[in-house]
PDB file of N, CA and C in Angstrom:
ATOM      1  N   MET A   1       0.829  -1.184   0.000  1.00  0.00           N
ATOM      2  CA  MET A   1       0.000   0.000   0.000  1.00  0.00           C
ATOM      3  C   MET A   1       0.877   1.253   0.000  1.00  0.00           C
ATOM      4  N   MET A   2       1.961   1.229   0.758  1.00  0.00           N
ATOM      5  CA  MET A   2       2.834   2.393   0.805  1.00  0.00           C
ATOM      6  C   MET A   2       3.486   2.646  -0.550  1.00  0.00           C
ATOM      7  N   LEU A   3       3.797   1.581  -1.281  1.00  0.00           N
ATOM      8  CA  LEU A   3       4.391   1.747  -2.606  1.00  0.00           C
ATOM      9  C   LEU A   3       3.418   2.447  -3.550  1.00  0.00           C
ATOM     10  N   ALA A   4       2.155   2.039  -3.511  1.00  0.00           N
ATOM     11  CA  ALA A   4       1.158   2.670  -4.383  1.00  0.00           C
ATOM     12  C   ALA A   4       0.925   4.124  -3.989  1.00  0.00           C
ATOM     13  N   LEU A   5       0.925   4.398  -2.706  1.00  0.00           N
ATOM     14  CA  LEU A   5       0.697   5.768  -2.256  1.00  0.00           C
ATOM     15  C   LEU A   5       1.910   6.655  -2.485  1.00  0.00           C
ATOM     16  N   SER A   6       3.091   6.045  -2.633  1.00  0.00           N
ATOM     17  CA  SER A   6       4.297   6.844  -2.870  1.00  0.00           C
ATOM     18  C   SER A   6       4.636   6.910  -4.353  1.00  0.00           C
ATOM     19  N   SER A   7       3.697   6.529  -5.189  1.00  0.00           N
ATOM     20  CA  SER A   7       3.903   6.572  -6.631  1.00  0.00           C
ATOM     21  C   SER A   7       4.245   7.994  -7.074  1.00  0.00           C
ATOM     22  N   PRO A   8       5.244   8.145  -7.936  1.00  0.00           N
ATOM     23  CA  PRO A   8       5.598   9.494  -8.412  1.00  0.00           C
ATOM     24  C   PRO A   8       4.430  10.221  -9.067  1.00  0.00           C
ATOM     25  N   THR A   9       3.586   9.488  -9.756  1.00  0.00           N
ATOM     26  CA  THR A   9       2.436  10.115 -10.404  1.00  0.00           C
ATOM     27  C   THR A   9       1.462  10.650  -9.367  1.00  0.00           C
ATOM     28  N   SER A  10       1.210   9.865  -8.333  1.00  0.00           N
ATOM     29  CA  SER A  10       0.303  10.320  -7.271  1.00  0.00           C
ATOM     30  C   SER A  10       0.873  11.523  -6.546  1.00  0.00           C
ATOM     31  N   ILE A  11       2.162  11.483  -6.254  1.00  0.00           N
ATOM     32  CA  ILE A  11       2.795  12.594  -5.563  1.00  0.00           C
ATOM     33  C   ILE A  11       2.743  13.849  -6.424  1.00  0.00           C
ATOM     34  N   LEU A  12       3.044  13.713  -7.714  1.00  0.00           N
ATOM     35  CA  LEU A  12       3.016  14.859  -8.620  1.00  0.00           C
ATOM     36  C   LEU A  12       1.610  15.431  -8.735  1.00  0.00           C
ATOM     37  N   TRP A  13       0.614  14.550  -8.885  1.00  0.00           N
ATOM     38  CA  TRP A  13      -0.757  15.023  -9.004  1.00  0.00           C
ATOM     39  C   TRP A  13      -1.180  15.743  -7.732  1.00  0.00           C
ATOM     40  N   PHE A  14      -0.883  15.161  -6.586  1.00  0.00           N
ATOM     41  CA  PHE A  14      -1.290  15.781  -5.335  1.00  0.00           C
ATOM     42  C   PHE A  14      -0.578  17.118  -5.128  1.00  0.00           C
ATOM     43  N   ALA A  15       0.689  17.179  -5.507  1.00  0.00           N
ATOM     44  CA  ALA A  15       1.423  18.435  -5.361  1.00  0.00           C
ATOM     45  C   ALA A  15       0.870  19.508  -6.296  1.00  0.00           C
ATOM     46  N   ALA A  16       0.526  19.121  -7.528  1.00  0.00           N
ATOM     47  CA  ALA A  16       0.043  20.097  -8.506  1.00  0.00           C
ATOM     48  C   ALA A  16      -1.395  20.517  -8.224  1.00  0.00           C
ATOM     49  N   VAL A  17      -2.277  19.541  -8.078  1.00  0.00           N
ATOM     50  CA  VAL A  17      -3.698  19.846  -7.902  1.00  0.00           C
ATOM     51  C   VAL A  17      -4.045  20.010  -6.429  1.00  0.00           C
ATOM     52  N   GLY A  18      -3.594  19.061  -5.620  1.00  0.00           N
ATOM     53  CA  GLY A  18      -3.934  19.098  -4.198  1.00  0.00           C
ATOM     54  C   GLY A  18      -3.413  20.333  -3.498  1.00  0.00           C
ATOM     55  N   GLY A  19      -2.195  20.744  -3.840  1.00  0.00           N
ATOM     56  CA  GLY A  19      -1.622  21.923  -3.211  1.00  0.00           C
ATOM     57  C   GLY A  19      -2.449  23.164  -3.451  1.00  0.00           C
ATOM     58  N   SER A  20      -2.899  23.343  -4.668  1.00  0.00           N
ATOM     59  CA  SER A  20      -3.713  24.534  -4.965  1.00  0.00           C
ATOM     60  C   SER A  20      -5.093  24.448  -4.329  1.00  0.00           C
ATOM     61  N   VAL A  21      -5.666  23.253  -4.274  1.00  0.00           N
ATOM     62  CA  VAL A  21      -6.982  23.099  -3.634  1.00  0.00           C
ATOM     63  C   VAL A  21      -6.870  23.356  -2.137  1.00  0.00           C
ATOM     64  N   ILE A  22      -5.827  22.808  -1.523  1.00  0.00           N
ATOM     65  CA  ILE A  22      -5.643  23.017  -0.086  1.00  0.00           C
ATOM     66  C   ILE A  22      -5.399  24.496   0.217  1.00  0.00           C
ATOM     67  N   ALA A  23      -4.590  25.150  -0.604  1.00  0.00           N
ATOM     68  CA  ALA A  23      -4.315  26.570  -0.385  1.00  0.00           C
ATOM     69  C   ALA A  23      -5.573  27.418  -0.556  1.00  0.00           C
ATOM     70  N   THR A  24      -6.405  27.052  -1.510  1.00  0.00           N
ATOM     71  CA  THR A  24      -7.620  27.813  -1.779  1.00  0.00           C
ATOM     72  C   THR A  24      -8.686  27.595  -0.709  1.00  0.00           C
ATOM     73  N   HIS A  25      -8.837  26.351  -0.255  1.00  0.00           N
ATOM     74  CA  HIS A  25      -9.934  26.007   0.659  1.00  0.00           C
ATOM     75  C   HIS A  25      -9.439  25.623   2.052  1.00  0.00           C
ATOM     76  N   ALA A  26      -8.304  26.144   2.466  1.00  0.00           N
ATOM     77  CA  ALA A  26      -7.727  25.734   3.756  1.00  0.00           C
ATOM     78  C   ALA A  26      -8.642  26.031   4.933  1.00  0.00           C
ATOM     79  N   ALA A  27      -9.371  27.108   4.884  1.00  0.00           N
ATOM     80  CA  ALA A  27     -10.217  27.494   6.010  1.00  0.00           C
ATOM     81  C   ALA A  27     -11.668  27.067   5.831  1.00  0.00           C
ATOM     82  N   SER A  28     -12.024  26.500   4.707  1.00  0.00           N
ATOM     83  CA  SER A  28     -13.434  26.168   4.466  1.00  0.00           C
ATOM     84  C   SER A  28     -13.694  24.683   4.723  1.00  0.00           C
ATOM     85  N   ALA A  29     -14.970  24.349   4.779  1.00  0.00           N
ATOM     86  CA  ALA A  29     -15.379  22.961   5.005  1.00  0.00           C
ATOM     87  C   ALA A  29     -15.293  22.134   3.731  1.00  0.00           C
ATOM     88  N   ALA A  30     -15.019  22.760   2.588  1.00  0.00           N
ATOM     89  CA  ALA A  30     -14.944  22.036   1.309  1.00  0.00           C
ATOM     90  C   ALA A  30     -13.677  21.211   1.194  1.00  0.00           C
ATOM     91  N   LEU A  31     -12.730  21.418   2.077  1.00  0.00           N
ATOM     92  CA  LEU A  31     -11.464  20.684   2.005  1.00  0.00           C
ATOM     93  C   LEU A  31     -11.628  19.224   2.421  1.00  0.00           C
ATOM     94  N   MET A  32     -12.487  18.954   3.394  1.00  0.00           N
ATOM     95  CA  MET A  32     -12.628  17.592   3.903  1.00  0.00           C
ATOM     96  C   MET A  32     -13.143  16.617   2.840  1.00  0.00           C
ATOM     97  N   PRO A  33     -14.156  16.960   2.044  1.00  0.00           N
ATOM     98  CA  PRO A  33     -14.572  16.024   0.997  1.00  0.00           C
ATOM     99  C   PRO A  33     -13.465  15.752  -0.026  1.00  0.00           C
ATOM    100  N   PHE A  34     -12.670  16.758  -0.342  1.00  0.00           N
ATOM    101  CA  PHE A  34     -11.568  16.558  -1.276  1.00  0.00           C
ATOM    102  C   PHE A  34     -10.547  15.583  -0.709  1.00  0.00           C
ATOM    103  N   LEU A  35     -10.113  15.817   0.522  1.00  0.00           N
ATOM    104  CA  LEU A  35      -9.118  14.929   1.131  1.00  0.00           C
ATOM    105  C   LEU A  35      -9.663  13.520   1.322  1.00  0.00           C
ATOM    106  N   SER A  36     -10.928  13.405   1.711  1.00  0.00           N
ATOM    107  CA  SER A  36     -11.546  12.087   1.864  1.00  0.00           C
ATOM    108  C   SER A  36     -11.623  11.357   0.528  1.00  0.00           C
ATOM    109  N   GLY A  37     -12.021  12.066  -0.512  1.00  0.00           N
ATOM    110  CA  GLY A  37     -12.088  11.471  -1.841  1.00  0.00           C
ATOM    111  C   GLY A  37     -10.730  11.056  -2.351  1.00  0.00           C
ATOM    112  N   PHE A  38      -9.719  11.886  -2.110  1.00  0.00           N
ATOM    113  CA  PHE A  38      -8.370  11.555  -2.540  1.00  0.00           C
ATOM    114  C   PHE A  38      -7.873  10.309  -1.813  1.00  0.00           C
ATOM    115  N   PHE A  39      -8.112  10.239  -0.508  1.00  0.00           N
ATOM    116  CA  PHE A  39      -7.700   9.076   0.266  1.00  0.00           C
ATOM    117  C   PHE A  39      -8.455   7.829  -0.189  1.00  0.00           C
ATOM    118  N   PHE A  40      -9.769   7.945  -0.376  1.00  0.00           N
ATOM    119  CA  PHE A  40     -10.584   6.812  -0.809  1.00  0.00           C
ATOM    120  C   PHE A  40     -10.145   6.316  -2.186  1.00  0.00           C
ATOM    121  N   ALA A  41      -9.856   7.232  -3.096  1.00  0.00           N
ATOM    122  CA  ALA A  41      -9.388   6.834  -4.431  1.00  0.00           C
ATOM    123  C   ALA A  41      -8.046   6.106  -4.336  1.00  0.00           C
ATOM    124  N   GLY A  42      -7.161   6.568  -3.468  1.00  0.00           N
ATOM    125  CA  GLY A  42      -5.879   5.898  -3.281  1.00  0.00           C
ATOM    126  C   GLY A  42      -6.041   4.489  -2.740  1.00  0.00           C
ATOM    127  N   VAL A  43      -6.943   4.319  -1.782  1.00  0.00           N
ATOM    128  CA  VAL A  43      -7.194   2.988  -1.218  1.00  0.00           C
ATOM    129  C   VAL A  43      -7.819   2.078  -2.273  1.00  0.00           C
ATOM    130  N   CYS A  44      -8.787   2.585  -3.026  1.00  0.00           N
ATOM    131  CA  CYS A  44      -9.416   1.782  -4.086  1.00  0.00           C
ATOM    132  C   CYS A  44      -8.400   1.382  -5.152  1.00  0.00           C
ATOM    133  N   TRP A  45      -7.531   2.305  -5.550  1.00  0.00           N
ATOM    134  CA  TRP A  45      -6.500   2.011  -6.534  1.00  0.00           C
ATOM    135  C   TRP A  45      -5.564   0.918  -6.015  1.00  0.00           C
ATOM    136  N   THR A  46      -5.180   1.009  -4.752  1.00  0.00           N
ATOM    137  CA  THR A  46      -4.286   0.029  -4.150  1.00  0.00           C
ATOM    138  C   THR A  46      -4.939  -1.345  -4.125  1.00  0.00           C
ATOM    139  N   ILE A  47      -6.197  -1.418  -3.740  1.00  0.00           N
ATOM    140  CA  ILE A  47      -6.917  -2.692  -3.702  1.00  0.00           C
ATOM    141  C   ILE A  47      -7.044  -3.270  -5.101  1.00  0.00           C
ATOM    142  N   MET A  48      -7.350  -2.424  -6.094  1.00  0.00           N
ATOM    143  CA  MET A  48      -7.497  -2.907  -7.464  1.00  0.00           C
ATOM    144  C   MET A  48      -6.177  -3.458  -8.001  1.00  0.00           C
ATOM    145  N   ILE A  49      -5.086  -2.751  -7.782  1.00  0.00           N
ATOM    146  CA  ILE A  49      -3.787  -3.216  -8.268  1.00  0.00           C
ATOM    147  C   ILE A  49      -3.391  -4.513  -7.578  1.00  0.00           C
ATOM    148  N   ALA A  50      -3.606  -4.609  -6.261  1.00  0.00           N
ATOM    149  CA  ALA A  50      -3.278  -5.837  -5.534  1.00  0.00           C
ATOM    150  C   ALA A  50      -4.129  -7.006  -6.026  1.00  0.00           C
ATOM    151  N   THR A  51      -5.402  -6.775  -6.289  1.00  0.00           N
ATOM    152  CA  THR A  51      -6.287  -7.825  -6.786  1.00  0.00           C
ATOM    153  C   THR A  51      -5.868  -8.283  -8.176  1.00  0.00           C
ATOM    154  N   LEU A  52      -5.602  -7.342  -9.068  1.00  0.00           N
ATOM    155  CA  LEU A  52      -5.170  -7.703 -10.421  1.00  0.00           C
ATOM    156  C   LEU A  52      -3.834  -8.443 -10.412  1.00  0.00           C
ATOM    157  N   THR A  53      -2.929  -8.028  -9.548  1.00  0.00           N
ATOM    158  CA  THR A  53      -1.641  -8.698  -9.456  1.00  0.00           C
ATOM    159  C   THR A  53      -1.809 -10.120  -8.944  1.00  0.00           C
ATOM    160  N   GLY A  54      -2.619 -10.306  -7.927  1.00  0.00           N
ATOM    161  CA  GLY A  54      -2.881 -11.650  -7.408  1.00  0.00           C
ATOM    162  C   GLY A  54      -3.536 -12.536  -8.451  1.00  0.00           C
ATOM    163  N   TYR A  55      -4.508 -12.000  -9.171  1.00  0.00           N
ATOM    164  CA  TYR A  55      -5.186 -12.755 -10.225  1.00  0.00           C
ATOM    165  C   TYR A  55      -4.194 -13.133 -11.330  1.00  0.00           C
ATOM    166  N   ALA A  56      -3.374 -12.191 -11.747  1.00  0.00           N
ATOM    167  CA  ALA A  56      -2.395 -12.468 -12.802  1.00  0.00           C
ATOM    168  C   ALA A  56      -1.380 -13.503 -12.346  1.00  0.00           C
ATOM    169  N   HIS A  57      -0.974 -13.441 -11.093  1.00  0.00           N
ATOM    170  CA  HIS A  57       0.008 -14.398 -10.586  1.00  0.00           C
ATOM    171  C   HIS A  57      -0.569 -15.817 -10.573  1.00  0.00           C
ATOM    172  N   ARG A  58      -1.855 -15.943 -10.289  1.00  0.00           N
ATOM    173  CA  ARG A  58      -2.494 -17.270 -10.293  1.00  0.00           C
ATOM    174  C   ARG A  58      -2.743 -17.786 -11.703  1.00  0.00           C
ATOM    175  N   ARG A  59      -3.077 -16.909 -12.634  1.00  0.00           N
ATOM    176  CA  ARG A  59      -3.490 -17.334 -13.976  1.00  0.00           C
ATOM    177  C   ARG A  59      -2.346 -17.459 -14.981  1.00  0.00           C
ATOM    178  N   LEU A  60      -1.307 -16.665 -14.813  1.00  0.00           N
ATOM    179  CA  LEU A  60      -0.224 -16.647 -15.802  1.00  0.00           C
ATOM    180  C   LEU A  60       0.928 -17.521 -15.327  1.00  0.00           C
ATOM    181  N   SER A  61       1.727 -17.944 -16.269  1.00  0.00           N
ATOM    182  CA  SER A  61       2.867 -18.790 -15.910  1.00  0.00           C
ATOM    183  C   SER A  61       3.916 -17.989 -15.152  1.00  0.00           C
ATOM    184  N   THR A  62       4.709 -18.687 -14.366  1.00  0.00           N
ATOM    185  CA  THR A  62       5.755 -18.038 -13.580  1.00  0.00           C
ATOM    186  C   THR A  62       6.768 -17.356 -14.483  1.00  0.00           C
ATOM    187  N   ARG A  63       7.086 -17.986 -15.595  1.00  0.00           N
ATOM    188  CA  ARG A  63       8.045 -17.404 -16.539  1.00  0.00           C
ATOM    189  C   ARG A  63       7.528 -16.092 -17.119  1.00  0.00           C
ATOM    190  N   PHE A  64       6.252 -16.057 -17.474  1.00  0.00           N
ATOM    191  CA  PHE A  64       5.666 -14.837 -18.025  1.00  0.00           C
ATOM    192  C   PHE A  64       5.662 -13.718 -16.987  1.00  0.00           C
ATOM    193  N   VAL A  65       5.293 -14.047 -15.745  1.00  0.00           N
ATOM    194  CA  VAL A  65       5.259 -13.046 -14.683  1.00  0.00           C
ATOM    195  C   VAL A  65       6.660 -12.502 -14.430  1.00  0.00           C
ATOM    196  N   ARG A  66       7.669 -13.362 -14.427  1.00  0.00           N
ATOM    197  CA  ARG A  66       9.049 -12.897 -14.241  1.00  0.00           C
ATOM    198  C   ARG A  66       9.494 -12.013 -15.401  1.00  0.00           C
ATOM    199  N   GLY A  67       9.128 -12.378 -16.623  1.00  0.00           N
ATOM    200  CA  GLY A  67       9.459 -11.554 -17.782  1.00  0.00           C
ATOM    201  C   GLY A  67       8.784 -10.192 -17.711  1.00  0.00           C
ATOM    202  N   LEU A  68       7.532 -10.190 -17.311  1.00  0.00           N
ATOM    203  CA  LEU A  68       6.797  -8.937 -17.157  1.00  0.00           C
ATOM    204  C   LEU A  68       7.419  -8.081 -16.054  1.00  0.00           C
ATOM    205  N   SER A  69       7.846  -8.714 -14.973  1.00  0.00           N
ATOM    206  CA  SER A  69       8.514  -7.988 -13.896  1.00  0.00           C
ATOM    207  C   SER A  69       9.835  -7.406 -14.368  1.00  0.00           C
ATOM    208  N   LEU A  70      10.565  -8.145 -15.190  1.00  0.00           N
ATOM    209  CA  LEU A  70      11.836  -7.652 -15.721  1.00  0.00           C
ATOM    210  C   LEU A  70      11.614  -6.437 -16.620  1.00  0.00           C
ATOM    211  N   VAL A  71      10.639  -6.521 -17.498  1.00  0.00           N
ATOM    212  CA  VAL A  71      10.324  -5.390 -18.383  1.00  0.00           C
ATOM    213  C   VAL A  71       9.902  -4.183 -17.545  1.00  0.00           C
ATOM    214  N   SER A  72       9.092  -4.416 -16.521  1.00  0.00           N
ATOM    215  CA  SER A  72       8.658  -3.332 -15.642  1.00  0.00           C
ATOM    216  C   SER A  72       9.845  -2.701 -14.923  1.00  0.00           C
ATOM    217  N   ALA A  73      10.770  -3.519 -14.439  1.00  0.00           N
ATOM    218  CA  ALA A  73      11.953  -2.999 -13.746  1.00  0.00           C
ATOM    219  C   ALA A  73      12.827  -2.175 -14.684  1.00  0.00           C
ATOM    220  N   ILE A  74      12.985  -2.643 -15.918  1.00  0.00           N
ATOM    221  CA  ILE A  74      13.789  -1.901 -16.899  1.00  0.00           C
ATOM    222  C   ILE A  74      13.150  -0.548 -17.202  1.00  0.00           C
ATOM    223  N   LEU A  75      11.830  -0.535 -17.398  1.00  0.00           N
ATOM    224  CA  LEU A  75      11.128   0.734 -17.653  1.00  0.00           C
ATOM    225  C   LEU A  75      11.227   1.671 -16.455  1.00  0.00           C
ATOM    226  N   PHE A  76      11.092   1.127 -15.246  1.00  0.00           N
ATOM    227  CA  PHE A  76      11.193   1.949 -14.044  1.00  0.00           C
ATOM    228  C   PHE A  76      12.573   2.588 -13.951  1.00  0.00           C
ATOM    229  N   CYS A  77      13.615   1.800 -14.192  1.00  0.00           N
ATOM    230  CA  CYS A  77      14.979   2.332 -14.142  1.00  0.00           C
ATOM    231  C   CYS A  77      15.206   3.385 -15.226  1.00  0.00           C
ATOM    232  N   TYR A  78      14.676   3.138 -16.414  1.00  0.00           N
ATOM    233  CA  TYR A  78      14.811   4.092 -17.510  1.00  0.00           C
ATOM    234  C   TYR A  78      14.186   5.434 -17.144  1.00  0.00           C
ATOM    235  N   PHE A  79      12.941   5.399 -16.638  1.00  0.00           N
ATOM    236  CA  PHE A  79      12.269   6.636 -16.277  1.00  0.00           C
ATOM    237  C   PHE A  79      12.927   7.307 -15.074  1.00  0.00           C
ATOM    238  N   ALA A  80      13.464   6.522 -14.147  1.00  0.00           N
ATOM    239  CA  ALA A  80      14.174   7.103 -13.004  1.00  0.00           C
ATOM    240  C   ALA A  80      15.413   7.852 -13.466  1.00  0.00           C
ATOM    241  N   VAL A  81      16.144   7.273 -14.412  1.00  0.00           N
ATOM    242  CA  VAL A  81      17.332   7.939 -14.940  1.00  0.00           C
ATOM    243  C   VAL A  81      16.934   9.239 -15.636  1.00  0.00           C
ATOM    244  N   ILE A  82      15.866   9.202 -16.411  1.00  0.00           N
ATOM    245  CA  ILE A  82      15.399  10.410 -17.103  1.00  0.00           C
ATOM    246  C   ILE A  82      15.034  11.495 -16.091  1.00  0.00           C
ATOM    247  N   VAL A  83      14.322  11.132 -15.024  1.00  0.00           N
ATOM    248  CA  VAL A  83      13.924  12.110 -14.011  1.00  0.00           C
ATOM    249  C   VAL A  83      15.154  12.706 -13.333  1.00  0.00           C
ATOM    250  N   PHE A  84      16.114  11.865 -12.959  1.00  0.00           N
ATOM    251  CA  PHE A  84      17.311  12.368 -12.293  1.00  0.00           C
ATOM    252  C   PHE A  84      18.156  13.232 -13.223  1.00  0.00           C
ATOM    253  N   VAL A  85      18.310  12.810 -14.470  1.00  0.00           N
ATOM    254  CA  VAL A  85      19.114  13.592 -15.413  1.00  0.00           C
ATOM    255  C   VAL A  85      18.453  14.942 -15.690  1.00  0.00           C
ATOM    256  N   ASN A  86      17.160  14.938 -15.925  1.00  0.00           N
ATOM    257  CA  ASN A  86      16.450  16.195 -16.159  1.00  0.00           C
ATOM    258  C   ASN A  86      16.487  17.099 -14.932  1.00  0.00           C
ATOM    259  N   GLY A  87      16.340  16.520 -13.759  1.00  0.00           N
ATOM    260  CA  GLY A  87      16.426  17.305 -12.535  1.00  0.00           C
ATOM    261  C   GLY A  87      17.803  17.882 -12.342  1.00  0.00           C
ATOM    262  N   TYR A  88      18.818  17.103 -12.623  1.00  0.00           N
ATOM    263  CA  TYR A  88      20.196  17.577 -12.505  1.00  0.00           C
ATOM    264  C   TYR A  88      20.449  18.723 -13.479  1.00  0.00           C
ATOM    265  N   ARG A  89      19.995  18.576 -14.720  1.00  0.00           N
ATOM    266  CA  ARG A  89      20.182  19.628 -15.730  1.00  0.00           C
ATOM    267  C   ARG A  89      19.453  20.905 -15.352  1.00  0.00           C
ATOM    268  N   GLU A  90      18.283  20.760 -14.756  1.00  0.00           N
ATOM    269  CA  GLU A  90      17.472  21.932 -14.416  1.00  0.00           C
ATOM    270  C   GLU A  90      18.068  22.706 -13.241  1.00  0.00           C
ATOM    271  N   PHE A  91      18.593  22.007 -12.276  1.00  0.00           N
ATOM    272  CA  PHE A  91      19.083  22.667 -11.063  1.00  0.00           C
ATOM    273  C   PHE A  91      20.561  23.014 -11.115  1.00  0.00           C
ATOM    274  N   ILE A  92      21.310  22.431 -12.010  1.00  0.00           N
ATOM    275  CA  ILE A  92      22.748  22.711 -12.083  1.00  0.00           C
ATOM    276  C   ILE A  92      23.059  23.518 -13.335  1.00  0.00           C
TER     277      ILE A  92
END
């Protein structure tokens, strides 16, 4: 669950959209439904991903799942390098 909640996409979305909503409605009662909805969506997303992963692990062969994990790891590393290189170029 912590991995899904620490997703770079979720963090970026919350920082971009959530930050402005919180700043705008910090003193109003409209903030609670937003935060509750954001939390509920995160929990639902986590449950859905865990369910799909469990289903795929039961239905697909071990070799296919390992291959898919390898491709996922390679893509994750590729995008991580891009983020770090772009961040380094921007700040240095």
